[in-house]
Protein backbone atom coordinates (compact mmCIF):
# COMPACT_ATOMS: atom_id res chain seq x y z
CA UNK A 1 53.32 -12.62 26.20
CA UNK A 2 51.17 -15.63 27.01
CA UNK A 3 51.50 -16.82 23.39
CA UNK A 4 55.21 -17.54 23.98
CA UNK A 5 56.28 -14.82 21.54
CA UNK A 6 58.39 -12.21 23.26
CA UNK A 7 59.37 -8.83 21.91
CA UNK A 8 62.83 -8.73 20.35
CA UNK A 9 65.55 -6.17 19.59
CA UNK A 10 69.20 -6.06 18.56
CA UNK A 11 72.38 -5.34 20.53
CA UNK A 12 74.75 -4.01 17.85
CA UNK A 13 74.85 -2.15 14.53
CA UNK A 14 75.23 -4.13 11.32
CA UNK A 15 75.07 -3.52 7.59
CA UNK A 16 73.55 -6.12 5.31
CA UNK A 17 73.05 -6.43 1.57
CA UNK A 18 70.45 -8.66 -0.05
CA UNK A 19 69.58 -9.28 -3.68
CA UNK A 20 66.14 -10.69 -4.48
CA UNK A 21 66.14 -12.53 -7.81
CA UNK A 22 63.38 -14.76 -9.10
CA UNK A 23 62.53 -16.01 -12.56
CA UNK A 24 58.84 -15.93 -13.37
CA UNK A 25 56.94 -16.56 -16.57
CA UNK A 26 57.74 -13.86 -19.08
CA UNK A 27 60.38 -12.13 -16.99
CA UNK A 28 61.60 -12.01 -13.45
CA UNK A 29 61.79 -10.17 -10.17
CA UNK A 30 64.84 -8.20 -9.08
CA UNK A 31 65.73 -5.81 -6.27
CA UNK A 32 68.89 -5.17 -4.32
CA UNK A 33 69.00 -3.36 -0.99
CA UNK A 34 71.74 -2.45 1.46
CA UNK A 35 70.49 -1.71 4.97
CA UNK A 36 72.00 -0.61 8.27
CA UNK A 37 70.28 -1.87 11.44
CA UNK A 38 71.04 0.06 14.64
CA UNK A 39 69.75 -0.48 18.18
CA UNK A 40 67.69 2.38 19.62
CA UNK A 41 66.68 3.31 23.17
CA UNK A 42 63.74 1.51 24.74
CA UNK A 43 60.40 2.73 23.46
CA UNK A 44 61.72 4.13 20.15
CA UNK A 45 59.90 1.58 18.00
CA UNK A 46 60.95 0.84 14.42
CA UNK A 47 62.36 3.82 12.52
CA UNK A 48 62.99 3.84 8.78
CA UNK A 49 65.43 6.26 7.12
CA UNK A 50 65.93 6.60 3.37
CA UNK A 51 69.56 7.64 2.83
CA UNK A 52 70.04 6.57 -0.79
CA UNK A 53 71.77 8.98 -3.11
CA UNK A 54 70.47 9.46 -6.64
CA UNK A 55 68.01 7.07 -8.25
CA UNK A 56 69.49 3.71 -7.18
CA UNK A 57 66.07 2.89 -5.73
CA UNK A 58 63.32 4.82 -7.51
CA UNK A 59 61.36 7.00 -5.09
CA UNK A 60 58.15 5.19 -6.04
CA UNK A 61 59.59 1.92 -4.65
CA UNK A 62 61.18 3.19 -1.43
CA UNK A 63 57.79 2.61 0.20
CA UNK A 64 58.14 -1.06 -0.74
CA UNK A 65 61.41 -1.18 1.19
CA UNK A 66 59.78 0.34 4.26
CA UNK A 67 56.82 -2.03 3.93
CA UNK A 68 59.16 -5.03 3.82
CA UNK A 69 61.04 -3.84 6.90
CA UNK A 70 57.84 -3.33 8.87
CA UNK A 71 56.51 -6.76 7.82
CA UNK A 72 59.78 -8.40 8.84
CA UNK A 73 59.82 -6.53 12.16
CA UNK A 74 56.37 -7.90 12.98
CA UNK A 75 57.93 -11.35 13.44
CA UNK A 76 61.48 -11.53 14.78
CA UNK A 77 63.89 -14.43 14.46
CA UNK A 78 64.09 -15.67 18.07
CA UNK A 79 60.48 -16.52 18.85
CA UNK A 80 58.48 -14.78 16.13
CA UNK A 81 57.59 -11.86 18.40
CA UNK A 82 57.67 -8.25 17.22
CA UNK A 83 61.00 -6.45 16.86
CA UNK A 84 61.25 -3.04 18.51
CA UNK A 85 63.72 -0.22 19.07
CA UNK A 86 65.65 -0.52 15.80
CA UNK A 87 66.53 2.11 13.21
CA UNK A 88 66.78 0.72 9.68
CA UNK A 89 68.53 2.89 7.12
CA UNK A 90 68.32 2.21 3.40
CA UNK A 91 71.91 2.91 2.27
CA UNK A 92 71.99 1.66 -1.31
CA UNK A 93 70.19 -0.46 -3.84
CA UNK A 94 69.79 -1.43 -7.45
CA UNK A 95 66.91 -2.17 -9.78
CA UNK A 96 66.15 -3.44 -13.26
CA UNK A 97 63.89 -1.43 -15.57
CA UNK A 98 61.67 -4.40 -16.44
CA UNK A 99 61.99 -6.81 -13.50
CA UNK A 100 61.86 -4.54 -10.45
CA UNK A 101 58.73 -3.52 -8.58
CA UNK A 102 57.35 -2.43 -5.22
CA UNK A 103 56.84 -6.13 -4.39
CA UNK A 104 60.45 -7.05 -5.30
CA UNK A 105 61.81 -4.31 -3.04
CA UNK A 106 59.49 -5.34 -0.22
CA UNK A 107 60.72 -8.94 -0.41
CA UNK A 108 64.39 -7.89 -0.61
CA UNK A 109 63.98 -5.66 2.44
CA UNK A 110 62.30 -8.43 4.45
CA UNK A 111 65.11 -10.89 3.75
CA UNK A 112 67.80 -8.27 4.39
CA UNK A 113 66.18 -7.36 7.72
CA UNK A 114 66.02 -10.98 8.91
CA UNK A 115 69.62 -11.63 7.80
CA UNK A 116 70.73 -8.47 9.57
CA UNK A 117 68.89 -9.48 12.74
CA UNK A 118 70.92 -12.71 12.86
CA UNK A 119 74.19 -10.75 12.79
CA UNK A 120 73.09 -7.91 15.08
CA UNK A 121 72.99 -9.83 18.36
CA UNK A 122 69.25 -10.46 18.64
CA UNK A 123 67.89 -10.50 22.18
CA UNK A 124 64.60 -10.54 24.01
CA UNK A 125 63.24 -7.33 25.50
CA UNK A 126 62.54 -7.78 29.16
CA UNK A 127 59.09 -6.70 30.35
């Protein structure tokens, strides 16, 4: 707390969709995720739920989504402090056979999480 970075959470449920697209030499990067962010009771931490149906996000890359969410939650949008007490559900997604990867899904999830935080009524957790 003495670093000026307070813990953060959200006050309402939101759904957010983010598409990561980047052209790189010889190809590109692509991943699309749709997430739901929900507030949880105090002390619940960050929970990740994979609720995708079918193979819209290959099972081998779902871990990239969770990694991106956990990285994003380490630094919230109000003061850069950790985000706590939020359930993040992966609802949907899309990939490209050649341009998608673990890394692409991690980046898409990070951006989706931060965008969702902005819309979900971010607030500081009181000590």
